[in-house]
Amino acid sequence: MRPENVNPGNFQVIEVVYDNQEFSIAFGIWESRDRVLAMRWNGDNDTDAGYPKTFGHPMWFIISNELRIPILTSLIGLPFSDKERLLRVIGESIR
């Protein structure tokens, strides 16, 4: 399942900063108030909900805010990461 299509009611994707087709990391809004980093395994195809999922619906795993900057900076320069999006999210995270 494409990470852009995983938008449960409690998490709104703002930026997908890493996506290698199998695994994704996104920055978004949790429960309409907190800006957080989240990750997920996307599944094998468009009909596979991947992991995590709840009652068959794809979800995101929220990462502790203490790990946000270290994870984001570790992605810079890696294949499948989006440097412009990463820098935008890092800038927003340190404000």
PDB file of N, CA and C in Angstrom:
ATOM      1  N   MET A   1       0.849  -1.178   0.000  1.00  0.00           N
ATOM      2  CA  MET A   1       0.000   0.000   0.000  1.00  0.00           C
ATOM      3  C   MET A   1       0.897   1.245   0.000  1.00  0.00           C
ATOM      4  N   ARG A   2       0.602   2.186  -0.827  1.00  0.00           N
ATOM      5  CA  ARG A   2       1.372   3.429  -0.919  1.00  0.00           C
ATOM      6  C   ARG A   2       1.195   4.249   0.360  1.00  0.00           C
ATOM      7  N   PRO A   3       2.275   4.802   0.911  1.00  0.00           N
ATOM      8  CA  PRO A   3       2.161   5.546   2.171  1.00  0.00           C
ATOM      9  C   PRO A   3       1.254   6.765   2.071  1.00  0.00           C
ATOM     10  N   GLU A   4       1.170   7.376   0.899  1.00  0.00           N
ATOM     11  CA  GLU A   4       0.301   8.541   0.730  1.00  0.00           C
ATOM     12  C   GLU A   4      -1.176   8.179   0.908  1.00  0.00           C
ATOM     13  N   ASN A   5      -1.484   6.886   0.734  1.00  0.00           N
ATOM     14  CA  ASN A   5      -2.869   6.427   0.838  1.00  0.00           C
ATOM     15  C   ASN A   5      -3.231   5.932   2.234  1.00  0.00           C
ATOM     16  N   VAL A   6      -2.285   5.984   3.156  1.00  0.00           N
ATOM     17  CA  VAL A   6      -2.546   5.537   4.526  1.00  0.00           C
ATOM     18  C   VAL A   6      -2.816   6.769   5.376  1.00  0.00           C
ATOM     19  N   ASN A   7      -4.066   7.093   5.528  1.00  0.00           N
ATOM     20  CA  ASN A   7      -4.478   8.267   6.300  1.00  0.00           C
ATOM     21  C   ASN A   7      -5.630   7.905   7.222  1.00  0.00           C
ATOM     22  N   PRO A   8      -5.310   7.173   8.303  1.00  0.00           N
ATOM     23  CA  PRO A   8      -6.381   6.870   9.257  1.00  0.00           C
ATOM     24  C   PRO A   8      -6.881   8.162   9.896  1.00  0.00           C
ATOM     25  N   GLY A   9      -7.992   8.115  10.548  1.00  0.00           N
ATOM     26  CA  GLY A   9      -8.594   9.308  11.126  1.00  0.00           C
ATOM     27  C   GLY A   9      -7.730  10.040  12.128  1.00  0.00           C
ATOM     28  N   ASN A  10      -6.760   9.356  12.733  1.00  0.00           N
ATOM     29  CA  ASN A  10      -5.965   9.998  13.774  1.00  0.00           C
ATOM     30  C   ASN A  10      -4.592  10.475  13.302  1.00  0.00           C
ATOM     31  N   PHE A  11      -4.230  10.267  12.034  1.00  0.00           N
ATOM     32  CA  PHE A  11      -2.928  10.698  11.530  1.00  0.00           C
ATOM     33  C   PHE A  11      -3.066  11.219  10.103  1.00  0.00           C
ATOM     34  N   GLN A  12      -2.629  12.457   9.909  1.00  0.00           N
ATOM     35  CA  GLN A  12      -2.657  13.078   8.581  1.00  0.00           C
ATOM     36  C   GLN A  12      -1.224  13.234   8.086  1.00  0.00           C
ATOM     37  N   VAL A  13      -0.893  12.611   6.959  1.00  0.00           N
ATOM     38  CA  VAL A  13       0.447  12.695   6.382  1.00  0.00           C
ATOM     39  C   VAL A  13       0.666  14.088   5.806  1.00  0.00           C
ATOM     40  N   ILE A  14       1.781  14.723   6.207  1.00  0.00           N
ATOM     41  CA  ILE A  14       2.194  15.996   5.621  1.00  0.00           C
ATOM     42  C   ILE A  14       3.276  15.744   4.574  1.00  0.00           C
ATOM     43  N   GLU A  15       4.306  14.984   4.952  1.00  0.00           N
ATOM     44  CA  GLU A  15       5.434  14.695   4.059  1.00  0.00           C
ATOM     45  C   GLU A  15       5.872  13.246   4.227  1.00  0.00           C
ATOM     46  N   VAL A  16       6.019  12.512   3.135  1.00  0.00           N
ATOM     47  CA  VAL A  16       6.679  11.218   3.163  1.00  0.00           C
ATOM     48  C   VAL A  16       8.150  11.510   2.898  1.00  0.00           C
ATOM     49  N   VAL A  17       9.005  11.263   3.894  1.00  0.00           N
ATOM     50  CA  VAL A  17      10.416  11.628   3.773  1.00  0.00           C
ATOM     51  C   VAL A  17      11.300  10.460   3.354  1.00  0.00           C
ATOM     52  N   TYR A  18      10.788   9.246   3.495  1.00  0.00           N
ATOM     53  CA  TYR A  18      11.532   8.057   3.080  1.00  0.00           C
ATOM     54  C   TYR A  18      10.537   7.023   2.589  1.00  0.00           C
ATOM     55  N   ASP A  19      10.810   6.435   1.426  1.00  0.00           N
ATOM     56  CA  ASP A  19       9.916   5.408   0.881  1.00  0.00           C
ATOM     57  C   ASP A  19      10.706   4.538  -0.086  1.00  0.00           C
ATOM     58  N   ASN A  20      10.989   3.307   0.329  1.00  0.00           N
ATOM     59  CA  ASN A  20      11.679   2.372  -0.557  1.00  0.00           C
ATOM     60  C   ASN A  20      10.724   1.323  -1.118  1.00  0.00           C
ATOM     61  N   GLN A  21       9.459   1.644  -1.162  1.00  0.00           N
ATOM     62  CA  GLN A  21       8.356   0.787  -1.615  1.00  0.00           C
ATOM     63  C   GLN A  21       7.920  -0.211  -0.540  1.00  0.00           C
ATOM     64  N   GLU A  22       8.849  -0.741   0.245  1.00  0.00           N
ATOM     65  CA  GLU A  22       8.507  -1.700   1.289  1.00  0.00           C
ATOM     66  C   GLU A  22       8.293  -1.038   2.644  1.00  0.00           C
ATOM     67  N   PHE A  23       9.051   0.026   2.919  1.00  0.00           N
ATOM     68  CA  PHE A  23       9.056   0.679   4.228  1.00  0.00           C
ATOM     69  C   PHE A  23       9.029   2.186   4.028  1.00  0.00           C
ATOM     70  N   SER A  24       8.255   2.888   4.847  1.00  0.00           N
ATOM     71  CA  SER A  24       8.138   4.346   4.701  1.00  0.00           C
ATOM     72  C   SER A  24       8.215   5.040   6.052  1.00  0.00           C
ATOM     73  N   ILE A  25       8.699   6.291   6.011  1.00  0.00           N
ATOM     74  CA  ILE A  25       8.699   7.172   7.170  1.00  0.00           C
ATOM     75  C   ILE A  25       8.042   8.470   6.740  1.00  0.00           C
ATOM     76  N   ALA A  26       7.105   8.949   7.551  1.00  0.00           N
ATOM     77  CA  ALA A  26       6.360  10.159   7.213  1.00  0.00           C
ATOM     78  C   ALA A  26       6.287  11.101   8.407  1.00  0.00           C
ATOM     79  N   PHE A  27       6.147  12.374   8.100  1.00  0.00           N
ATOM     80  CA  PHE A  27       5.920  13.411   9.093  1.00  0.00           C
ATOM     81  C   PHE A  27       4.463  13.821   8.940  1.00  0.00           C
ATOM     82  N   GLY A  28       3.762  13.970  10.054  1.00  0.00           N
ATOM     83  CA  GLY A  28       2.360  14.320   9.951  1.00  0.00           C
ATOM     84  C   GLY A  28       1.784  14.827  11.252  1.00  0.00           C
ATOM     85  N   ILE A  29       0.469  14.928  11.261  1.00  0.00           N
ATOM     86  CA  ILE A  29      -0.253  15.458  12.420  1.00  0.00           C
ATOM     87  C   ILE A  29      -1.018  14.323  13.084  1.00  0.00           C
ATOM     88  N   TRP A  30      -0.741  14.114  14.363  1.00  0.00           N
ATOM     89  CA  TRP A  30      -1.383  13.070  15.166  1.00  0.00           C
ATOM     90  C   TRP A  30      -2.543  13.671  15.951  1.00  0.00           C
ATOM     91  N   GLU A  31      -3.698  13.087  15.781  1.00  0.00           N
ATOM     92  CA  GLU A  31      -4.921  13.479  16.488  1.00  0.00           C
ATOM     93  C   GLU A  31      -5.186  14.978  16.407  1.00  0.00           C
ATOM     94  N   SER A  32      -4.981  15.541  15.233  1.00  0.00           N
ATOM     95  CA  SER A  32      -5.296  16.943  14.913  1.00  0.00           C
ATOM     96  C   SER A  32      -4.533  17.967  15.738  1.00  0.00           C
ATOM     97  N   ARG A  33      -3.435  17.559  16.413  1.00  0.00           N
ATOM     98  CA  ARG A  33      -2.739  18.557  17.226  1.00  0.00           C
ATOM     99  C   ARG A  33      -1.221  18.412  17.250  1.00  0.00           C
ATOM    100  N   ASP A  34      -0.686  17.216  17.339  1.00  0.00           N
ATOM    101  CA  ASP A  34       0.753  17.026  17.516  1.00  0.00           C
ATOM    102  C   ASP A  34       1.425  16.672  16.194  1.00  0.00           C
ATOM    103  N   ARG A  35       2.539  17.324  15.903  1.00  0.00           N
ATOM    104  CA  ARG A  35       3.331  17.001  14.719  1.00  0.00           C
ATOM    105  C   ARG A  35       4.317  15.915  15.119  1.00  0.00           C
ATOM    106  N   VAL A  36       4.266  14.795  14.408  1.00  0.00           N
ATOM    107  CA  VAL A  36       5.043  13.620  14.790  1.00  0.00           C
ATOM    108  C   VAL A  36       5.670  12.949  13.562  1.00  0.00           C
ATOM    109  N   LEU A  37       6.603  12.064  13.844  1.00  0.00           N
ATOM    110  CA  LEU A  37       7.206  11.208  12.836  1.00  0.00           C
ATOM    111  C   LEU A  37       6.592   9.824  13.009  1.00  0.00           C
ATOM    112  N   ALA A  38       6.340   9.146  11.903  1.00  0.00           N
ATOM    113  CA  ALA A  38       5.729   7.822  11.963  1.00  0.00           C
ATOM    114  C   ALA A  38       6.354   6.925  10.901  1.00  0.00           C
ATOM    115  N   MET A  39       6.212   5.614  11.082  1.00  0.00           N
ATOM    116  CA  MET A  39       6.761   4.662  10.121  1.00  0.00           C
ATOM    117  C   MET A  39       5.810   3.491   9.926  1.00  0.00           C
ATOM    118  N   ARG A  40       6.042   2.766   8.817  1.00  0.00           N
ATOM    119  CA  ARG A  40       5.251   1.564   8.566  1.00  0.00           C
ATOM    120  C   ARG A  40       5.901   0.716   7.488  1.00  0.00           C
ATOM    121  N   TRP A  41       5.603  -0.575   7.523  1.00  0.00           N
ATOM    122  CA  TRP A  41       5.930  -1.492   6.444  1.00  0.00           C
ATOM    123  C   TRP A  41       4.718  -1.458   5.526  1.00  0.00           C
ATOM    124  N   ASN A  42       4.924  -1.262   4.232  1.00  0.00           N
ATOM    125  CA  ASN A  42       3.828  -0.991   3.302  1.00  0.00           C
ATOM    126  C   ASN A  42       3.093  -2.210   2.769  1.00  0.00           C
ATOM    127  N   GLY A  43       3.625  -3.390   2.961  1.00  0.00           N
ATOM    128  CA  GLY A  43       2.977  -4.578   2.424  1.00  0.00           C
ATOM    129  C   GLY A  43       3.558  -4.960   1.079  1.00  0.00           C
ATOM    130  N   ASP A  44       3.100  -6.077   0.563  1.00  0.00           N
ATOM    131  CA  ASP A  44       3.654  -6.623  -0.670  1.00  0.00           C
ATOM    132  C   ASP A  44       3.043  -6.053  -1.943  1.00  0.00           C
ATOM    133  N   ASN A  45       1.835  -5.487  -1.830  1.00  0.00           N
ATOM    134  CA  ASN A  45       1.170  -4.963  -3.028  1.00  0.00           C
ATOM    135  C   ASN A  45       0.076  -3.982  -2.591  1.00  0.00           C
ATOM    136  N   ASP A  46      -0.670  -3.454  -3.557  1.00  0.00           N
ATOM    137  CA  ASP A  46      -1.684  -2.446  -3.243  1.00  0.00           C
ATOM    138  C   ASP A  46      -2.864  -2.982  -2.433  1.00  0.00           C
ATOM    139  N   THR A  47      -3.039  -4.295  -2.395  1.00  0.00           N
ATOM    140  CA  THR A  47      -4.146  -4.843  -1.613  1.00  0.00           C
ATOM    141  C   THR A  47      -3.712  -5.304  -0.223  1.00  0.00           C
ATOM    142  N   ASP A  48      -2.396  -5.347   0.033  1.00  0.00           N
ATOM    143  CA  ASP A  48      -1.858  -5.736   1.338  1.00  0.00           C
ATOM    144  C   ASP A  48      -1.802  -4.494   2.221  1.00  0.00           C
ATOM    145  N   ALA A  49      -2.425  -4.516   3.370  1.00  0.00           N
ATOM    146  CA  ALA A  49      -2.478  -3.353   4.264  1.00  0.00           C
ATOM    147  C   ALA A  49      -1.160  -3.097   4.976  1.00  0.00           C
ATOM    148  N   GLY A  50      -0.183  -4.003   4.882  1.00  0.00           N
ATOM    149  CA  GLY A  50       1.099  -3.798   5.529  1.00  0.00           C
ATOM    150  C   GLY A  50       1.003  -3.900   7.034  1.00  0.00           C
ATOM    151  N   TYR A  51       1.953  -3.232   7.715  1.00  0.00           N
ATOM    152  CA  TYR A  51       1.988  -3.276   9.177  1.00  0.00           C
ATOM    153  C   TYR A  51       2.527  -1.961   9.712  1.00  0.00           C
ATOM    154  N   PRO A  52       1.974  -1.373  10.719  1.00  0.00           N
ATOM    155  CA  PRO A  52       0.867  -1.895  11.508  1.00  0.00           C
ATOM    156  C   PRO A  52      -0.483  -1.707  10.815  1.00  0.00           C
ATOM    157  N   LYS A  53      -1.443  -2.471  11.307  1.00  0.00           N
ATOM    158  CA  LYS A  53      -2.822  -2.336  10.852  1.00  0.00           C
ATOM    159  C   LYS A  53      -3.743  -2.682  12.008  1.00  0.00           C
ATOM    160  N   THR A  54      -4.925  -2.111  11.970  1.00  0.00           N
ATOM    161  CA  THR A  54      -5.929  -2.373  12.988  1.00  0.00           C
ATOM    162  C   THR A  54      -7.207  -2.811  12.292  1.00  0.00           C
ATOM    163  N   PHE A  55      -7.683  -3.982  12.629  1.00  0.00           N
ATOM    164  CA  PHE A  55      -8.883  -4.544  12.012  1.00  0.00           C
ATOM    165  C   PHE A  55      -8.777  -4.504  10.493  1.00  0.00           C
ATOM    166  N   GLY A  56      -7.570  -4.789   9.967  1.00  0.00           N
ATOM    167  CA  GLY A  56      -7.342  -4.839   8.535  1.00  0.00           C
ATOM    168  C   GLY A  56      -7.084  -3.501   7.868  1.00  0.00           C
ATOM    169  N   HIS A  57      -7.145  -2.408   8.631  1.00  0.00           N
ATOM    170  CA  HIS A  57      -6.923  -1.069   8.078  1.00  0.00           C
ATOM    171  C   HIS A  57      -5.493  -0.617   8.350  1.00  0.00           C
ATOM    172  N   PRO A  58      -4.801  -0.084   7.340  1.00  0.00           N
ATOM    173  CA  PRO A  58      -3.419   0.339   7.542  1.00  0.00           C
ATOM    174  C   PRO A  58      -3.313   1.509   8.503  1.00  0.00           C
ATOM    175  N   MET A  59      -2.251   1.488   9.303  1.00  0.00           N
ATOM    176  CA  MET A  59      -2.008   2.517  10.315  1.00  0.00           C
ATOM    177  C   MET A  59      -0.540   2.928  10.240  1.00  0.00           C
ATOM    178  N   TRP A  60      -0.186   3.927  11.024  1.00  0.00           N
ATOM    179  CA  TRP A  60       1.188   4.374  11.188  1.00  0.00           C
ATOM    180  C   TRP A  60       1.617   4.109  12.619  1.00  0.00           C
ATOM    181  N   PHE A  61       2.903   3.801  12.817  1.00  0.00           N
ATOM    182  CA  PHE A  61       3.489   3.647  14.139  1.00  0.00           C
ATOM    183  C   PHE A  61       4.165   4.967  14.481  1.00  0.00           C
ATOM    184  N   ILE A  62       3.740   5.623  15.548  1.00  0.00           N
ATOM    185  CA  ILE A  62       4.273   6.924  15.937  1.00  0.00           C
ATOM    186  C   ILE A  62       5.599   6.736  16.682  1.00  0.00           C
ATOM    187  N   ILE A  63       6.601   7.508  16.265  1.00  0.00           N
ATOM    188  CA  ILE A  63       7.939   7.438  16.850  1.00  0.00           C
ATOM    189  C   ILE A  63       8.062   8.499  17.943  1.00  0.00           C
ATOM    190  N   SER A  64       8.734   8.153  19.027  1.00  0.00           N
ATOM    191  CA  SER A  64       8.958   9.098  20.128  1.00  0.00           C
ATOM    192  C   SER A  64       9.609  10.375  19.599  1.00  0.00           C
ATOM    193  N   ASN A  65       9.136  11.536  20.062  1.00  0.00           N
ATOM    194  CA  ASN A  65       9.687  12.813  19.620  1.00  0.00           C
ATOM    195  C   ASN A  65      11.175  12.951  19.919  1.00  0.00           C
ATOM    196  N   GLU A  66      11.679  12.262  20.931  1.00  0.00           N
ATOM    197  CA  GLU A  66      13.104  12.295  21.244  1.00  0.00           C
ATOM    198  C   GLU A  66      13.950  11.719  20.113  1.00  0.00           C
ATOM    199  N   LEU A  67      13.359  10.866  19.306  1.00  0.00           N
ATOM    200  CA  LEU A  67      14.082  10.206  18.215  1.00  0.00           C
ATOM    201  C   LEU A  67      13.873  10.886  16.867  1.00  0.00           C
ATOM    202  N   ARG A  68      13.013  11.872  16.806  1.00  0.00           N
ATOM    203  CA  ARG A  68      12.670  12.501  15.522  1.00  0.00           C
ATOM    204  C   ARG A  68      13.887  13.054  14.791  1.00  0.00           C
ATOM    205  N   ILE A  69      14.637  13.957  15.422  1.00  0.00           N
ATOM    206  CA  ILE A  69      15.787  14.588  14.765  1.00  0.00           C
ATOM    207  C   ILE A  69      16.872  13.557  14.423  1.00  0.00           C
ATOM    208  N   PRO A  70      17.259  12.655  15.344  1.00  0.00           N
ATOM    209  CA  PRO A  70      18.270  11.657  14.969  1.00  0.00           C
ATOM    210  C   PRO A  70      17.848  10.794  13.771  1.00  0.00           C
ATOM    211  N   ILE A  71      16.601  10.390  13.729  1.00  0.00           N
ATOM    212  CA  ILE A  71      16.142   9.566  12.604  1.00  0.00           C
ATOM    213  C   ILE A  71      16.130  10.381  11.321  1.00  0.00           C
ATOM    214  N   LEU A  72      15.581  11.585  11.366  1.00  0.00           N
ATOM    215  CA  LEU A  72      15.523  12.417  10.159  1.00  0.00           C
ATOM    216  C   LEU A  72      16.913  12.708   9.611  1.00  0.00           C
ATOM    217  N   THR A  73      17.838  13.090  10.473  1.00  0.00           N
ATOM    218  CA  THR A  73      19.186  13.412   9.986  1.00  0.00           C
ATOM    219  C   THR A  73      19.906  12.176   9.458  1.00  0.00           C
ATOM    220  N   SER A  74      19.615  11.006  10.010  1.00  0.00           N
ATOM    221  CA  SER A  74      20.258   9.782   9.526  1.00  0.00           C
ATOM    222  C   SER A  74      19.786   9.402   8.124  1.00  0.00           C
ATOM    223  N   LEU A  75      18.653   9.927   7.691  1.00  0.00           N
ATOM    224  CA  LEU A  75      18.108   9.600   6.371  1.00  0.00           C
ATOM    225  C   LEU A  75      18.691  10.458   5.251  1.00  0.00           C
ATOM    226  N   ILE A  76      19.306  11.593   5.601  1.00  0.00           N
ATOM    227  CA  ILE A  76      19.838  12.492   4.574  1.00  0.00           C
ATOM    228  C   ILE A  76      20.905  11.767   3.760  1.00  0.00           C
ATOM    229  N   GLY A  77      20.730  11.792   2.455  1.00  0.00           N
ATOM    230  CA  GLY A  77      21.694  11.167   1.556  1.00  0.00           C
ATOM    231  C   GLY A  77      21.443   9.702   1.259  1.00  0.00           C
ATOM    232  N   LEU A  78      20.504   9.086   1.955  1.00  0.00           N
ATOM    233  CA  LEU A  78      20.209   7.676   1.668  1.00  0.00           C
ATOM    234  C   LEU A  78      19.354   7.546   0.412  1.00  0.00           C
ATOM    235  N   PRO A  79      19.544   6.454  -0.327  1.00  0.00           N
ATOM    236  CA  PRO A  79      18.613   6.197  -1.431  1.00  0.00           C
ATOM    237  C   PRO A  79      17.190   6.115  -0.878  1.00  0.00           C
ATOM    238  N   PHE A  80      16.240   6.551  -1.631  1.00  0.00           N
ATOM    239  CA  PHE A  80      14.810   6.506  -1.299  1.00  0.00           C
ATOM    240  C   PHE A  80      14.379   7.575  -0.300  1.00  0.00           C
ATOM    241  N   SER A  81      15.302   8.442   0.125  1.00  0.00           N
ATOM    242  CA  SER A  81      14.898   9.558   0.982  1.00  0.00           C
ATOM    243  C   SER A  81      14.798  10.811   0.123  1.00  0.00           C
ATOM    244  N   ASP A  82      13.983  11.745   0.564  1.00  0.00           N
ATOM    245  CA  ASP A  82      13.769  12.990  -0.162  1.00  0.00           C
ATOM    246  C   ASP A  82      14.439  14.113   0.628  1.00  0.00           C
ATOM    247  N   LYS A  83      15.614  14.560   0.167  1.00  0.00           N
ATOM    248  CA  LYS A  83      16.414  15.524   0.913  1.00  0.00           C
ATOM    249  C   LYS A  83      15.669  16.832   1.160  1.00  0.00           C
ATOM    250  N   GLU A  84      14.983  17.346   0.164  1.00  0.00           N
ATOM    251  CA  GLU A  84      14.248  18.605   0.339  1.00  0.00           C
ATOM    252  C   GLU A  84      13.169  18.471   1.401  1.00  0.00           C
ATOM    253  N   ARG A  85      12.423  17.388   1.354  1.00  0.00           N
ATOM    254  CA  ARG A  85      11.375  17.164   2.355  1.00  0.00           C
ATOM    255  C   ARG A  85      11.990  16.977   3.740  1.00  0.00           C
ATOM    256  N   LEU A  86      13.093  16.214   3.806  1.00  0.00           N
ATOM    257  CA  LEU A  86      13.764  16.004   5.091  1.00  0.00           C
ATOM    258  C   LEU A  86      14.195  17.324   5.711  1.00  0.00           C
ATOM    259  N   LEU A  87      14.834  18.179   4.926  1.00  0.00           N
ATOM    260  CA  LEU A  87      15.297  19.455   5.452  1.00  0.00           C
ATOM    261  C   LEU A  87      14.131  20.340   5.887  1.00  0.00           C
ATOM    262  N   ARG A  88      13.028  20.292   5.146  1.00  0.00           N
ATOM    263  CA  ARG A  88      11.837  21.066   5.514  1.00  0.00           C
ATOM    264  C   ARG A  88      11.286  20.572   6.864  1.00  0.00           C
ATOM    265  N   VAL A  89      11.201  19.257   7.028  1.00  0.00           N
ATOM    266  CA  VAL A  89      10.676  18.680   8.265  1.00  0.00           C
ATOM    267  C   VAL A  89      11.622  18.926   9.433  1.00  0.00           C
ATOM    268  N   ILE A  90      12.933  18.799   9.198  1.00  0.00           N
ATOM    269  CA  ILE A  90      13.901  19.075  10.267  1.00  0.00           C
ATOM    270  C   ILE A  90      13.766  20.520  10.702  1.00  0.00           C
ATOM    271  N   GLY A  91      13.665  21.450   9.740  1.00  0.00           N
ATOM    272  CA  GLY A  91      13.497  22.853  10.077  1.00  0.00           C
ATOM    273  C   GLY A  91      12.249  23.110  10.902  1.00  0.00           C
ATOM    274  N   GLU A  92      11.174  22.461  10.544  1.00  0.00           N
ATOM    275  CA  GLU A  92       9.925  22.611  11.301  1.00  0.00           C
ATOM    276  C   GLU A  92      10.041  21.973  12.692  1.00  0.00           C
ATOM    277  N   SER A  93      10.800  20.916  12.785  1.00  0.00           N
ATOM    278  CA  SER A  93      10.936  20.196  14.051  1.00  0.00           C
ATOM    279  C   SER A  93      11.756  20.944  15.085  1.00  0.00           C
ATOM    280  N   ILE A  94      12.684  21.787  14.643  1.00  0.00           N
ATOM    281  CA  ILE A  94      13.544  22.483  15.611  1.00  0.00           C
ATOM    282  C   ILE A  94      13.030  23.864  15.977  1.00  0.00           C
ATOM    283  N   ARG A  95      11.924  24.276  15.377  1.00  0.00           N
ATOM    284  CA  ARG A  95      11.333  25.576  15.741  1.00  0.00           C
ATOM    285  C   ARG A  95      10.685  25.514  17.095  1.00  0.00           C
TER     286      ARG A  95
END
